Amino acid sequence: MAAIFIDTTRVAALLGQTADQFLRVRADLEDQHGFPLPMPHWKRPMKWRADQVEGWIEACGRPRDAMTARPSGPNIILLEEARRA
């Protein structure tokens, strides 16, 4: 039976990235490319609906511009998350 919800590591694997790479580009994927949002009732660890992620990949592919590495580090990620809230 397939999982209904998947975690960051599985989402990243579906996108051909590591979990760290995915977390660095997640905001861009959501804001610029319509990537599914994580389930709101799961703060940590974040979970996504597997069917939404797989459907998005099937419909949109993997946008290369969003997959490029951006500056990383805990402060960068925290600042990006604060901006989104």
N, C-alpha and C. Protein backbone atom coordinates (compact mmCIF):
# COMPACT_ATOMS: atom_id res chain seq x y z
N MET A 1 0.84 -1.18 0.00
CA MET A 1 0.00 0.00 0.00
C MET A 1 0.89 1.25 0.00
N ALA A 2 0.59 2.16 -0.85
CA ALA A 2 1.38 3.38 -0.97
C ALA A 2 1.08 4.32 0.20
N ALA A 3 2.09 5.09 0.59
CA ALA A 3 1.93 6.04 1.68
C ALA A 3 1.06 7.20 1.23
N ILE A 4 0.21 7.68 2.13
CA ILE A 4 -0.63 8.84 1.83
C ILE A 4 0.17 10.11 2.05
N PHE A 5 0.97 10.14 3.11
CA PHE A 5 1.79 11.30 3.44
C PHE A 5 3.26 10.93 3.34
N ILE A 6 4.06 11.85 2.84
CA ILE A 6 5.49 11.61 2.72
C ILE A 6 6.25 12.76 3.38
N ASP A 7 7.45 12.43 3.86
CA ASP A 7 8.25 13.43 4.56
C ASP A 7 9.23 14.13 3.62
N THR A 8 9.99 15.04 4.17
CA THR A 8 10.93 15.84 3.40
C THR A 8 11.91 14.98 2.61
N THR A 9 12.43 13.94 3.23
CA THR A 9 13.40 13.08 2.56
C THR A 9 12.81 12.42 1.33
N ARG A 10 11.58 11.95 1.44
CA ARG A 10 10.92 11.29 0.30
C ARG A 10 10.58 12.29 -0.80
N VAL A 11 10.09 13.48 -0.42
CA VAL A 11 9.79 14.52 -1.41
C VAL A 11 11.07 14.86 -2.17
N ALA A 12 12.15 15.06 -1.45
CA ALA A 12 13.43 15.40 -2.08
C ALA A 12 13.87 14.30 -3.04
N ALA A 13 13.71 13.05 -2.64
CA ALA A 13 14.10 11.94 -3.51
C ALA A 13 13.27 11.94 -4.80
N LEU A 14 11.98 12.23 -4.69
CA LEU A 14 11.13 12.29 -5.88
C LEU A 14 11.59 13.39 -6.83
N LEU A 15 12.17 14.46 -6.27
CA LEU A 15 12.65 15.58 -7.07
C LEU A 15 14.11 15.41 -7.49
N GLY A 16 14.73 14.30 -7.07
CA GLY A 16 16.12 14.06 -7.43
C GLY A 16 17.09 14.92 -6.66
N GLN A 17 16.75 15.25 -5.42
CA GLN A 17 17.59 16.11 -4.59
C GLN A 17 17.80 15.47 -3.23
N THR A 18 18.72 16.06 -2.48
CA THR A 18 18.85 15.68 -1.07
C THR A 18 17.81 16.50 -0.29
N ALA A 19 17.57 16.11 0.94
CA ALA A 19 16.62 16.86 1.77
C ALA A 19 17.08 18.30 1.97
N ASP A 20 18.37 18.52 2.17
CA ASP A 20 18.89 19.88 2.34
C ASP A 20 18.69 20.72 1.09
N GLN A 21 18.95 20.14 -0.07
CA GLN A 21 18.75 20.87 -1.33
C GLN A 21 17.28 21.26 -1.48
N PHE A 22 16.39 20.32 -1.21
CA PHE A 22 14.96 20.60 -1.34
C PHE A 22 14.53 21.72 -0.39
N LEU A 23 14.99 21.67 0.85
CA LEU A 23 14.60 22.70 1.82
C LEU A 23 15.09 24.09 1.40
N ARG A 24 16.23 24.14 0.71
CA ARG A 24 16.73 25.43 0.24
C ARG A 24 15.87 26.02 -0.88
N VAL A 25 15.28 25.17 -1.71
CA VAL A 25 14.50 25.67 -2.85
C VAL A 25 12.99 25.57 -2.63
N ARG A 26 12.57 25.03 -1.50
CA ARG A 26 11.15 24.80 -1.24
C ARG A 26 10.31 26.05 -1.39
N ALA A 27 10.73 27.17 -0.82
CA ALA A 27 9.95 28.40 -0.89
C ALA A 27 9.75 28.85 -2.34
N ASP A 28 10.81 28.77 -3.14
CA ASP A 28 10.69 29.13 -4.55
C ASP A 28 9.74 28.19 -5.28
N LEU A 29 9.85 26.90 -5.00
CA LEU A 29 8.95 25.94 -5.65
C LEU A 29 7.50 26.26 -5.33
N GLU A 30 7.23 26.57 -4.06
CA GLU A 30 5.85 26.87 -3.65
C GLU A 30 5.38 28.21 -4.22
N ASP A 31 6.21 29.24 -4.10
CA ASP A 31 5.81 30.59 -4.49
C ASP A 31 5.80 30.81 -5.99
N GLN A 32 6.77 30.27 -6.70
CA GLN A 32 6.93 30.55 -8.12
C GLN A 32 6.43 29.45 -9.05
N HIS A 33 6.30 28.22 -8.52
CA HIS A 33 5.98 27.09 -9.38
C HIS A 33 4.75 26.30 -8.93
N GLY A 34 4.08 26.76 -7.89
CA GLY A 34 2.86 26.10 -7.45
C GLY A 34 3.04 24.75 -6.80
N PHE A 35 4.21 24.50 -6.22
CA PHE A 35 4.45 23.23 -5.55
C PHE A 35 3.49 23.09 -4.37
N PRO A 36 2.97 21.90 -4.11
CA PRO A 36 2.03 21.71 -2.99
C PRO A 36 2.63 22.13 -1.65
N LEU A 37 1.80 22.70 -0.82
CA LEU A 37 2.21 23.09 0.53
C LEU A 37 2.18 21.87 1.44
N PRO A 38 3.04 21.87 2.48
CA PRO A 38 2.97 20.77 3.45
C PRO A 38 1.65 20.83 4.20
N MET A 39 1.29 19.72 4.78
CA MET A 39 0.05 19.65 5.54
C MET A 39 0.13 20.61 6.73
N PRO A 40 -0.89 21.43 6.94
CA PRO A 40 -0.82 22.48 7.97
C PRO A 40 -0.78 21.95 9.40
N HIS A 41 -1.30 20.77 9.64
CA HIS A 41 -1.33 20.26 11.01
C HIS A 41 -0.06 19.51 11.39
N TRP A 42 0.88 19.42 10.48
CA TRP A 42 2.18 18.83 10.77
C TRP A 42 3.22 19.90 10.68
N LYS A 43 3.74 20.35 11.78
CA LYS A 43 4.79 21.37 11.77
C LYS A 43 6.16 20.71 11.63
N ARG A 44 6.47 19.74 12.41
CA ARG A 44 7.73 19.01 12.35
C ARG A 44 7.45 17.57 12.72
N PRO A 45 7.88 16.62 11.98
CA PRO A 45 8.43 16.79 10.65
C PRO A 45 7.33 17.17 9.66
N MET A 46 7.70 17.95 8.67
CA MET A 46 6.73 18.35 7.66
C MET A 46 6.32 17.13 6.84
N LYS A 47 5.06 17.13 6.42
CA LYS A 47 4.52 16.04 5.59
C LYS A 47 3.73 16.64 4.44
N TRP A 48 3.82 15.98 3.30
CA TRP A 48 3.06 16.37 2.12
C TRP A 48 2.20 15.21 1.70
N ARG A 49 1.11 15.50 1.02
CA ARG A 49 0.30 14.44 0.44
C ARG A 49 1.06 13.89 -0.76
N ALA A 50 1.30 12.59 -0.75
CA ALA A 50 2.07 11.95 -1.82
C ALA A 50 1.41 12.17 -3.18
N ASP A 51 0.08 12.06 -3.23
CA ASP A 51 -0.59 12.21 -4.53
C ASP A 51 -0.46 13.63 -5.08
N GLN A 52 -0.42 14.64 -4.22
CA GLN A 52 -0.25 16.02 -4.68
C GLN A 52 1.16 16.25 -5.23
N VAL A 53 2.15 15.73 -4.53
CA VAL A 53 3.54 15.90 -4.98
C VAL A 53 3.75 15.16 -6.29
N GLU A 54 3.30 13.92 -6.36
CA GLU A 54 3.47 13.13 -7.58
C GLU A 54 2.70 13.76 -8.75
N GLY A 55 1.50 14.28 -8.47
CA GLY A 55 0.72 14.95 -9.51
C GLY A 55 1.40 16.21 -10.01
N TRP A 56 2.00 16.97 -9.09
CA TRP A 56 2.71 18.19 -9.48
C TRP A 56 3.91 17.85 -10.36
N ILE A 57 4.67 16.83 -9.98
CA ILE A 57 5.83 16.42 -10.78
C ILE A 57 5.38 15.97 -12.16
N GLU A 58 4.30 15.22 -12.22
CA GLU A 58 3.79 14.74 -13.51
C GLU A 58 3.33 15.91 -14.39
N ALA A 59 2.68 16.89 -13.78
CA ALA A 59 2.16 18.03 -14.54
C ALA A 59 3.23 19.06 -14.89
N CYS A 60 4.14 19.32 -13.96
CA CYS A 60 5.09 20.42 -14.12
C CYS A 60 6.52 19.99 -14.38
N GLY A 61 6.84 18.76 -14.09
CA GLY A 61 8.23 18.35 -14.21
C GLY A 61 9.04 18.93 -13.06
N ARG A 62 10.31 19.07 -13.30
CA ARG A 62 11.21 19.63 -12.28
C ARG A 62 11.80 20.91 -12.83
N PRO A 63 11.26 22.07 -12.43
CA PRO A 63 11.75 23.33 -12.99
C PRO A 63 13.22 23.56 -12.64
N ARG A 64 14.03 23.65 -13.65
CA ARG A 64 15.49 23.77 -13.45
C ARG A 64 15.87 25.05 -12.72
N ASP A 65 15.18 26.14 -12.99
CA ASP A 65 15.55 27.40 -12.34
C ASP A 65 15.33 27.35 -10.84
N ALA A 66 14.37 26.58 -10.37
CA ALA A 66 14.11 26.46 -8.94
C ALA A 66 15.04 25.46 -8.29
N MET A 67 15.66 24.61 -9.07
CA MET A 67 16.49 23.56 -8.51
C MET A 67 17.94 23.99 -8.33
N THR A 68 18.28 25.20 -8.75
CA THR A 68 19.65 25.65 -8.58
C THR A 68 19.94 25.95 -7.12
N ALA A 69 21.16 25.76 -6.75
CA ALA A 69 21.54 26.01 -5.36
C ALA A 69 21.50 27.49 -5.04
N ARG A 70 21.01 27.80 -3.87
CA ARG A 70 20.98 29.17 -3.37
C ARG A 70 21.81 29.23 -2.12
N PRO A 71 22.13 30.42 -1.63
CA PRO A 71 22.88 30.50 -0.38
C PRO A 71 22.14 29.71 0.70
N SER A 72 22.89 29.04 1.52
CA SER A 72 22.26 28.23 2.55
C SER A 72 22.81 28.56 3.91
N GLY A 73 22.24 27.94 4.88
CA GLY A 73 22.64 28.13 6.26
C GLY A 73 21.40 28.34 7.10
N PRO A 74 21.49 28.09 8.38
CA PRO A 74 20.30 28.17 9.23
C PRO A 74 19.66 29.55 9.24
N ASN A 75 20.44 30.61 9.20
CA ASN A 75 19.84 31.94 9.25
C ASN A 75 19.09 32.26 7.96
N ILE A 76 19.61 31.83 6.82
CA ILE A 76 18.95 32.07 5.54
C ILE A 76 17.59 31.37 5.54
N ILE A 77 17.57 30.13 5.95
CA ILE A 77 16.31 29.38 5.96
C ILE A 77 15.32 29.99 6.94
N LEU A 78 15.77 30.38 8.12
CA LEU A 78 14.88 30.99 9.11
C LEU A 78 14.32 32.32 8.59
N LEU A 79 15.15 33.12 7.96
CA LEU A 79 14.67 34.39 7.40
C LEU A 79 13.64 34.17 6.30
N GLU A 80 13.87 33.19 5.45
CA GLU A 80 12.90 32.89 4.40
C GLU A 80 11.58 32.43 5.00
N GLU A 81 11.64 31.60 6.00
CA GLU A 81 10.40 31.12 6.66
C GLU A 81 9.68 32.27 7.33
N ALA A 82 10.41 33.19 7.96
CA ALA A 82 9.78 34.34 8.63
C ALA A 82 9.09 35.24 7.61
N ARG A 83 9.70 35.42 6.45
CA ARG A 83 9.09 36.24 5.40
C ARG A 83 7.78 35.65 4.91
N ARG A 84 7.69 34.36 4.90
CA ARG A 84 6.50 33.68 4.38
C ARG A 84 5.35 33.70 5.37
N ALA A 85 5.64 33.84 6.63
CA ALA A 85 4.59 33.77 7.66
C ALA A 85 3.70 35.00 7.67
